[in-house]
């Protein structure tokens, strides 16, 4: 396993600083989940990785060029009369398919197939996110970025999304931002707690919950905040 690393990252918006000498690393392959308070810069970090923003300074190592990344934003524009099948076909036509995601697997048959004949505007928010996450995972890229894919999603579809992300991370580097942690408990995800300065602290789920199995997202974030105090 290799790593994607960022060292001594500095970046400021026009009116305020965001990162001051931040260092963070991500497993390759592997699923990395970036945690942190609102406004701390989680989405900005994905923008910097994907070259949508340019850092003031910093060393990036191991990252592929932007054309080899898949970046799934929290808000995605789409044509409402497009069907799930048309969405999948559009993604596949523009990119090489990912051999680890095929129409023959059970997840596709049980979760994706029922959505294919429906227009996107009649899908629930959770179903719509599942479709975009799966369509993105089913094309072959060197790095996948997902900004808050569990936000506003019902628990059942959160489970589906995490299943896709965990499966994708077995073969590729996957970086996810999230305020929601508990659905990742059965995965091998590494959690990165982002702060405005210094190195990002990395934890397994067991370390976040101190080995307990009844922790809530609030418990986890309060524990992380106490560590940084």
C-alpha atoms as a PDB file:
ATOM      1  CA  UNK A   1       0.000   0.000   0.000  1.00  0.00           C
ATOM      2  CA  UNK A   2       1.330   3.432  -0.950  1.00  0.00           C
ATOM      3  CA  UNK A   3       0.094   6.838   0.162  1.00  0.00           C
ATOM      4  CA  UNK A   4      -1.061  10.123  -1.282  1.00  0.00           C
ATOM      5  CA  UNK A   5       0.471  12.878   0.812  1.00  0.00           C
ATOM      6  CA  UNK A   6       0.075  16.605   1.321  1.00  0.00           C
ATOM      7  CA  UNK A   7       2.695  18.383   3.393  1.00  0.00           C
ATOM      8  CA  UNK A   8       2.903  21.962   4.670  1.00  0.00           C
ATOM      9  CA  UNK A   9      -0.289  23.071   2.907  1.00  0.00           C
ATOM     10  CA  UNK A  10      -1.115  26.765   3.087  1.00  0.00           C
ATOM     11  CA  UNK A  11      -4.218  28.285   1.542  1.00  0.00           C
ATOM     12  CA  UNK A  12      -6.347  31.376   2.109  1.00  0.00           C
ATOM     13  CA  UNK A  13      -9.620  32.658   0.752  1.00  0.00           C
ATOM     14  CA  UNK A  14      -9.564  36.382  -0.092  1.00  0.00           C
ATOM     15  CA  UNK A  15     -10.999  37.325   3.315  1.00  0.00           C
ATOM     16  CA  UNK A  16      -9.660  34.643   5.661  1.00  0.00           C
ATOM     17  CA  UNK A  17      -7.035  31.891   5.969  1.00  0.00           C
ATOM     18  CA  UNK A  18      -8.125  28.249   5.675  1.00  0.00           C
ATOM     19  CA  UNK A  19      -4.999  26.089   6.067  1.00  0.00           C
ATOM     20  CA  UNK A  20      -1.791  26.957   7.869  1.00  0.00           C
ATOM     21  CA  UNK A  21       0.960  24.333   7.459  1.00  0.00           C
ATOM     22  CA  UNK A  22      -1.476  21.390   7.285  1.00  0.00           C
ATOM     23  CA  UNK A  23      -0.210  17.893   6.504  1.00  0.00           C
ATOM     24  CA  UNK A  24      -2.426  14.904   5.691  1.00  0.00           C
ATOM     25  CA  UNK A  25      -2.036  11.534   3.986  1.00  0.00           C
ATOM     26  CA  UNK A  26      -4.422   9.075   2.346  1.00  0.00           C
ATOM     27  CA  UNK A  27      -4.125   5.336   1.750  1.00  0.00           C
ATOM     28  CA  UNK A  28      -3.738   4.013  -1.799  1.00  0.00           C
ATOM     29  CA  UNK A  29      -5.764   1.914  -2.192  1.00  0.00           C
ATOM     30  CA  UNK A  30      -8.108   2.616   0.689  1.00  0.00           C
ATOM     31  CA  UNK A  31     -11.130   4.527   1.937  1.00  0.00           C
ATOM     32  CA  UNK A  32     -10.301   7.762   3.773  1.00  0.00           C
ATOM     33  CA  UNK A  33     -13.026   9.796   5.504  1.00  0.00           C
ATOM     34  CA  UNK A  34     -12.260  13.436   6.296  1.00  0.00           C
ATOM     35  CA  UNK A  35     -13.984  14.668   9.454  1.00  0.00           C
ATOM     36  CA  UNK A  36     -14.073  18.170  10.886  1.00  0.00           C
ATOM     37  CA  UNK A  37     -16.256  21.051  11.976  1.00  0.00           C
ATOM     38  CA  UNK A  38     -18.347  23.086   9.553  1.00  0.00           C
ATOM     39  CA  UNK A  39     -16.219  25.606   7.712  1.00  0.00           C
ATOM     40  CA  UNK A  40     -12.950  23.911   8.599  1.00  0.00           C
ATOM     41  CA  UNK A  41     -12.087  23.364   4.930  1.00  0.00           C
ATOM     42  CA  UNK A  42     -13.114  19.785   4.095  1.00  0.00           C
ATOM     43  CA  UNK A  43     -14.642  20.696   0.720  1.00  0.00           C
ATOM     44  CA  UNK A  44     -11.838  23.174   0.060  1.00  0.00           C
ATOM     45  CA  UNK A  45      -9.317  20.378   0.548  1.00  0.00           C
ATOM     46  CA  UNK A  46     -11.040  18.330  -2.174  1.00  0.00           C
ATOM     47  CA  UNK A  47     -10.999  21.406  -4.420  1.00  0.00           C
ATOM     48  CA  UNK A  48      -7.249  21.723  -3.866  1.00  0.00           C
ATOM     49  CA  UNK A  49      -6.630  18.030  -4.558  1.00  0.00           C
ATOM     50  CA  UNK A  50      -8.674  18.231  -7.771  1.00  0.00           C
ATOM     51  CA  UNK A  51      -6.925  21.453  -8.891  1.00  0.00           C
ATOM     52  CA  UNK A  52     -10.114  23.524  -8.776  1.00  0.00           C
ATOM     53  CA  UNK A  53      -8.247  25.701  -6.276  1.00  0.00           C
ATOM     54  CA  UNK A  54      -4.525  26.463  -6.177  1.00  0.00           C
ATOM     55  CA  UNK A  55      -2.667  26.342  -2.846  1.00  0.00           C
ATOM     56  CA  UNK A  56      -0.511  29.202  -1.671  1.00  0.00           C
ATOM     57  CA  UNK A  57       2.148  26.583  -0.970  1.00  0.00           C
ATOM     58  CA  UNK A  58       2.425  22.893  -0.189  1.00  0.00           C
ATOM     59  CA  UNK A  59       3.840  19.623  -1.463  1.00  0.00           C
ATOM     60  CA  UNK A  60       1.464  17.119  -3.099  1.00  0.00           C
ATOM     61  CA  UNK A  61       2.869  13.639  -3.783  1.00  0.00           C
ATOM     62  CA  UNK A  62       1.307  10.558  -5.363  1.00  0.00           C
ATOM     63  CA  UNK A  63      -1.832  12.247  -6.722  1.00  0.00           C
ATOM     64  CA  UNK A  64      -2.883  11.580 -10.323  1.00  0.00           C
ATOM     65  CA  UNK A  65      -3.560  14.386 -12.812  1.00  0.00           C
ATOM     66  CA  UNK A  66      -7.008  15.956 -12.663  1.00  0.00           C
ATOM     67  CA  UNK A  67      -8.217  14.103 -15.765  1.00  0.00           C
ATOM     68  CA  UNK A  68      -7.738  10.803 -13.896  1.00  0.00           C
ATOM     69  CA  UNK A  69      -9.846  11.861 -10.909  1.00  0.00           C
ATOM     70  CA  UNK A  70     -13.586  11.513 -10.329  1.00  0.00           C
ATOM     71  CA  UNK A  71     -14.941  14.336  -8.152  1.00  0.00           C
ATOM     72  CA  UNK A  72     -18.574  14.001  -7.008  1.00  0.00           C
ATOM     73  CA  UNK A  73     -19.863  17.264  -5.591  1.00  0.00           C
ATOM     74  CA  UNK A  74     -22.448  17.548  -2.848  1.00  0.00           C
ATOM     75  CA  UNK A  75     -24.831  19.283  -5.251  1.00  0.00           C
ATOM     76  CA  UNK A  76     -24.997  17.884  -8.771  1.00  0.00           C
ATOM     77  CA  UNK A  77     -26.858  19.468 -11.675  1.00  0.00           C
ATOM     78  CA  UNK A  78     -28.922  17.045 -13.741  1.00  0.00           C
ATOM     79  CA  UNK A  79     -31.715  16.957 -16.283  1.00  0.00           C
ATOM     80  CA  UNK A  80     -34.862  15.882 -14.379  1.00  0.00           C
ATOM     81  CA  UNK A  81     -36.320  13.811 -17.198  1.00  0.00           C
ATOM     82  CA  UNK A  82     -33.159  11.699 -17.481  1.00  0.00           C
ATOM     83  CA  UNK A  83     -33.680   8.109 -16.367  1.00  0.00           C
ATOM     84  CA  UNK A  84     -31.318   6.116 -14.188  1.00  0.00           C
ATOM     85  CA  UNK A  85     -30.397   3.970 -17.205  1.00  0.00           C
ATOM     86  CA  UNK A  86     -29.592   7.047 -19.299  1.00  0.00           C
ATOM     87  CA  UNK A  87     -27.414   8.411 -16.498  1.00  0.00           C
ATOM     88  CA  UNK A  88     -25.458   5.165 -16.291  1.00  0.00           C
ATOM     89  CA  UNK A  89     -25.064   5.066 -20.092  1.00  0.00           C
ATOM     90  CA  UNK A  90     -23.855   8.683 -20.184  1.00  0.00           C
ATOM     91  CA  UNK A  91     -21.144   7.985 -17.598  1.00  0.00           C
ATOM     92  CA  UNK A  92     -20.067   4.790 -19.335  1.00  0.00           C
ATOM     93  CA  UNK A  93     -19.852   6.422 -22.776  1.00  0.00           C
ATOM     94  CA  UNK A  94     -17.528   9.156 -21.527  1.00  0.00           C
ATOM     95  CA  UNK A  95     -15.163   6.890 -19.603  1.00  0.00           C
ATOM     96  CA  UNK A  96     -13.714   3.402 -19.430  1.00  0.00           C
ATOM     97  CA  UNK A  97     -15.806   1.081 -17.203  1.00  0.00           C
ATOM     98  CA  UNK A  98     -14.473  -0.006 -13.847  1.00  0.00           C
ATOM     99  CA  UNK A  99     -14.147  -3.814 -14.018  1.00  0.00           C
ATOM    100  CA  UNK A 100     -14.903  -4.075 -10.290  1.00  0.00           C
ATOM    101  CA  UNK A 101     -18.476  -2.820 -10.871  1.00  0.00           C
ATOM    102  CA  UNK A 102     -20.598  -4.785 -13.321  1.00  0.00           C
ATOM    103  CA  UNK A 103     -24.263  -5.423 -14.010  1.00  0.00           C
ATOM    104  CA  UNK A 104     -23.793  -9.018 -12.879  1.00  0.00           C
ATOM    105  CA  UNK A 105     -23.241  -8.331  -9.180  1.00  0.00           C
ATOM    106  CA  UNK A 106     -25.966  -8.660  -6.573  1.00  0.00           C
ATOM    107  CA  UNK A 107     -25.806  -5.010  -5.462  1.00  0.00           C
ATOM    108  CA  UNK A 108     -26.485  -3.803  -8.994  1.00  0.00           C
ATOM    109  CA  UNK A 109     -29.379  -6.237  -9.410  1.00  0.00           C
ATOM    110  CA  UNK A 110     -31.068  -5.488  -6.082  1.00  0.00           C
ATOM    111  CA  UNK A 111     -30.360  -1.759  -5.553  1.00  0.00           C
ATOM    112  CA  UNK A 112     -29.559  -0.154  -8.916  1.00  0.00           C
ATOM    113  CA  UNK A 113     -31.777  -2.085 -11.331  1.00  0.00           C
ATOM    114  CA  UNK A 114     -35.084  -0.896  -9.726  1.00  0.00           C
ATOM    115  CA  UNK A 115     -33.968   2.722 -10.284  1.00  0.00           C
ATOM    116  CA  UNK A 116     -32.985   2.427 -13.937  1.00  0.00           C
ATOM    117  CA  UNK A 117     -36.419   2.969 -15.520  1.00  0.00           C
ATOM    118  CA  UNK A 118     -37.318   5.904 -13.276  1.00  0.00           C
ATOM    119  CA  UNK A 119     -36.668   9.546 -14.062  1.00  0.00           C
ATOM    120  CA  UNK A 120     -34.196  11.267 -11.746  1.00  0.00           C
ATOM    121  CA  UNK A 121     -36.741  13.875 -10.668  1.00  0.00           C
ATOM    122  CA  UNK A 122     -38.984  11.235  -9.072  1.00  0.00           C
ATOM    123  CA  UNK A 123     -36.194   9.568  -7.090  1.00  0.00           C
ATOM    124  CA  UNK A 124     -35.828  10.393  -3.420  1.00  0.00           C
ATOM    125  CA  UNK A 125     -32.770  12.372  -2.381  1.00  0.00           C
ATOM    126  CA  UNK A 126     -31.167   9.177  -1.086  1.00  0.00           C
ATOM    127  CA  UNK A 127     -31.921   7.194  -4.246  1.00  0.00           C
ATOM    128  CA  UNK A 128     -30.551  10.009  -6.398  1.00  0.00           C
ATOM    129  CA  UNK A 129     -27.297  10.084  -4.434  1.00  0.00           C
ATOM    130  CA  UNK A 130     -26.976   6.300  -4.682  1.00  0.00           C
ATOM    131  CA  UNK A 131     -27.334   6.554  -8.461  1.00  0.00           C
ATOM    132  CA  UNK A 132     -24.667   9.258  -8.808  1.00  0.00           C
ATOM    133  CA  UNK A 133     -22.245   7.516  -6.433  1.00  0.00           C
ATOM    134  CA  UNK A 134     -22.663   4.163  -8.179  1.00  0.00           C
ATOM    135  CA  UNK A 135     -22.404   5.688 -11.677  1.00  0.00           C
ATOM    136  CA  UNK A 136     -19.200   7.440 -10.600  1.00  0.00           C
ATOM    137  CA  UNK A 137     -17.720   4.294  -9.044  1.00  0.00           C
ATOM    138  CA  UNK A 138     -18.535   2.252 -12.146  1.00  0.00           C
ATOM    139  CA  UNK A 139     -16.080   4.179 -14.304  1.00  0.00           C
ATOM    140  CA  UNK A 140     -12.342   3.670 -14.099  1.00  0.00           C
ATOM    141  CA  UNK A 141     -10.385   6.492 -12.454  1.00  0.00           C
ATOM    142  CA  UNK A 142      -7.173   6.647 -10.448  1.00  0.00           C
ATOM    143  CA  UNK A 143      -8.693   8.632  -7.547  1.00  0.00           C
ATOM    144  CA  UNK A 144     -12.260   9.228  -6.356  1.00  0.00           C
ATOM    145  CA  UNK A 145     -13.398  12.264  -4.353  1.00  0.00           C
ATOM    146  CA  UNK A 146     -16.865  12.447  -2.768  1.00  0.00           C
ATOM    147  CA  UNK A 147     -18.051  15.578  -0.956  1.00  0.00           C
ATOM    148  CA  UNK A 148     -20.571  14.796   1.816  1.00  0.00           C
ATOM    149  CA  UNK A 149     -22.286  11.874   0.026  1.00  0.00           C
ATOM    150  CA  UNK A 150     -24.275  10.925   3.168  1.00  0.00           C
ATOM    151  CA  UNK A 151     -25.666  14.397   3.829  1.00  0.00           C
ATOM    152  CA  UNK A 152     -29.475  14.465   3.816  1.00  0.00           C
ATOM    153  CA  UNK A 153     -29.679  10.758   2.965  1.00  0.00           C
ATOM    154  CA  UNK A 154     -31.928   8.295   4.792  1.00  0.00           C
ATOM    155  CA  UNK A 155     -30.247   5.507   6.811  1.00  0.00           C
ATOM    156  CA  UNK A 156     -30.968   2.709   4.325  1.00  0.00           C
ATOM    157  CA  UNK A 157     -29.437   4.593   1.417  1.00  0.00           C
ATOM    158  CA  UNK A 158     -26.526   5.711   3.619  1.00  0.00           C
ATOM    159  CA  UNK A 159     -25.789   2.006   4.037  1.00  0.00           C
ATOM    160  CA  UNK A 160     -25.929   1.495   0.258  1.00  0.00           C
ATOM    161  CA  UNK A 161     -23.589   4.432  -0.374  1.00  0.00           C
ATOM    162  CA  UNK A 162     -21.073   3.291   2.231  1.00  0.00           C
ATOM    163  CA  UNK A 163     -21.144  -0.178   0.678  1.00  0.00           C
ATOM    164  CA  UNK A 164     -20.204   1.311  -2.709  1.00  0.00           C
ATOM    165  CA  UNK A 165     -17.441   3.474  -1.219  1.00  0.00           C
ATOM    166  CA  UNK A 166     -15.972   0.604   0.811  1.00  0.00           C
ATOM    167  CA  UNK A 167     -15.966  -1.695  -2.196  1.00  0.00           C
ATOM    168  CA  UNK A 168     -14.355   0.984  -4.359  1.00  0.00           C
ATOM    169  CA  UNK A 169     -11.689   1.611  -1.729  1.00  0.00           C
ATOM    170  CA  UNK A 170     -10.539  -2.000  -1.859  1.00  0.00           C
ATOM    171  CA  UNK A 171      -8.871  -1.302  -5.201  1.00  0.00           C
ATOM    172  CA  UNK A 172      -8.580   2.491  -5.538  1.00  0.00           C
ATOM    173  CA  UNK A 173      -7.906   5.493  -3.305  1.00  0.00           C
ATOM    174  CA  UNK A 174     -11.222   7.036  -2.221  1.00  0.00           C
ATOM    175  CA  UNK A 175     -11.455  10.289  -0.240  1.00  0.00           C
ATOM    176  CA  UNK A 176     -14.786  11.228   1.333  1.00  0.00           C
ATOM    177  CA  UNK A 177     -15.840  14.207   3.441  1.00  0.00           C
ATOM    178  CA  UNK A 178     -18.520  13.565   6.047  1.00  0.00           C
ATOM    179  CA  UNK A 179     -20.181  14.681   9.270  1.00  0.00           C
ATOM    180  CA  UNK A 180     -21.679  11.192   9.572  1.00  0.00           C
ATOM    181  CA  UNK A 181     -19.462   8.424  10.908  1.00  0.00           C
ATOM    182  CA  UNK A 182     -21.472   5.506  12.300  1.00  0.00           C
ATOM    183  CA  UNK A 183     -22.472   3.997   8.898  1.00  0.00           C
ATOM    184  CA  UNK A 184     -18.751   3.402   8.238  1.00  0.00           C
ATOM    185  CA  UNK A 185     -18.319   1.168  11.302  1.00  0.00           C
ATOM    186  CA  UNK A 186     -18.162  -2.100   9.336  1.00  0.00           C
ATOM    187  CA  UNK A 187     -15.616  -0.754   6.839  1.00  0.00           C
ATOM    188  CA  UNK A 188     -11.836  -0.511   6.955  1.00  0.00           C
ATOM    189  CA  UNK A 189     -11.969   3.277   6.549  1.00  0.00           C
ATOM    190  CA  UNK A 190      -9.311   5.534   7.991  1.00  0.00           C
ATOM    191  CA  UNK A 191     -10.733   8.709   9.505  1.00  0.00           C
ATOM    192  CA  UNK A 192      -8.800  11.974   9.210  1.00  0.00           C
ATOM    193  CA  UNK A 193      -9.748  14.737  11.646  1.00  0.00           C
ATOM    194  CA  UNK A 194      -9.009  17.997   9.859  1.00  0.00           C
ATOM    195  CA  UNK A 195      -7.943  21.150  11.704  1.00  0.00           C
ATOM    196  CA  UNK A 196      -6.797  24.527  10.310  1.00  0.00           C
ATOM    197  CA  UNK A 197      -3.154  23.901  11.256  1.00  0.00           C
ATOM    198  CA  UNK A 198      -0.711  21.062  11.804  1.00  0.00           C
ATOM    199  CA  UNK A 199      -1.012  17.369  10.885  1.00  0.00           C
ATOM    200  CA  UNK A 200      -4.416  15.719  10.520  1.00  0.00           C
ATOM    201  CA  UNK A 201      -4.973  13.016  13.157  1.00  0.00           C
ATOM    202  CA  UNK A 202      -5.792   9.568  11.724  1.00  0.00           C
ATOM    203  CA  UNK A 203      -8.006   6.952  13.435  1.00  0.00           C
ATOM    204  CA  UNK A 204      -9.683   3.647  12.754  1.00  0.00           C
ATOM    205  CA  UNK A 205     -13.352   3.344  13.706  1.00  0.00           C
ATOM    206  CA  UNK A 206     -12.426   1.291  16.782  1.00  0.00           C
ATOM    207  CA  UNK A 207     -10.058   4.056  17.887  1.00  0.00           C
ATOM    208  CA  UNK A 208     -12.731   6.704  17.379  1.00  0.00           C
ATOM    209  CA  UNK A 209     -15.179   4.797  19.570  1.00  0.00           C
ATOM    210  CA  UNK A 210     -12.603   3.385  22.011  1.00  0.00           C
ATOM    211  CA  UNK A 211     -13.744  -0.097  21.077  1.00  0.00           C
ATOM    212  CA  UNK A 212     -17.402   0.514  21.934  1.00  0.00           C
ATOM    213  CA  UNK A 213     -20.284  -0.345  19.630  1.00  0.00           C
ATOM    214  CA  UNK A 214     -22.925   2.148  20.823  1.00  0.00           C
ATOM    215  CA  UNK A 215     -21.178   5.433  20.040  1.00  0.00           C
ATOM    216  CA  UNK A 216     -23.133   8.129  18.205  1.00  0.00           C
ATOM    217  CA  UNK A 217     -21.802  10.678  15.740  1.00  0.00           C
ATOM    218  CA  UNK A 218     -22.061  13.293  18.494  1.00  0.00           C
ATOM    219  CA  UNK A 219     -19.984  11.129  20.855  1.00  0.00           C
ATOM    220  CA  UNK A 220     -17.313  10.736  18.189  1.00  0.00           C
ATOM    221  CA  UNK A 221     -17.079  14.438  17.361  1.00  0.00           C
ATOM    222  CA  UNK A 222     -17.012  15.456  21.013  1.00  0.00           C
ATOM    223  CA  UNK A 223     -14.195  12.959  21.596  1.00  0.00           C
ATOM    224  CA  UNK A 224     -12.210  14.323  18.651  1.00  0.00           C
ATOM    225  CA  UNK A 225     -12.741  17.886  19.823  1.00  0.00           C
ATOM    226  CA  UNK A 226     -11.474  16.998  23.292  1.00  0.00           C
ATOM    227  CA  UNK A 227      -8.337  15.457  21.765  1.00  0.00           C
ATOM    228  CA  UNK A 228      -7.586  18.740  20.007  1.00  0.00           C
ATOM    229  CA  UNK A 229      -8.302  20.923  23.055  1.00  0.00           C
END
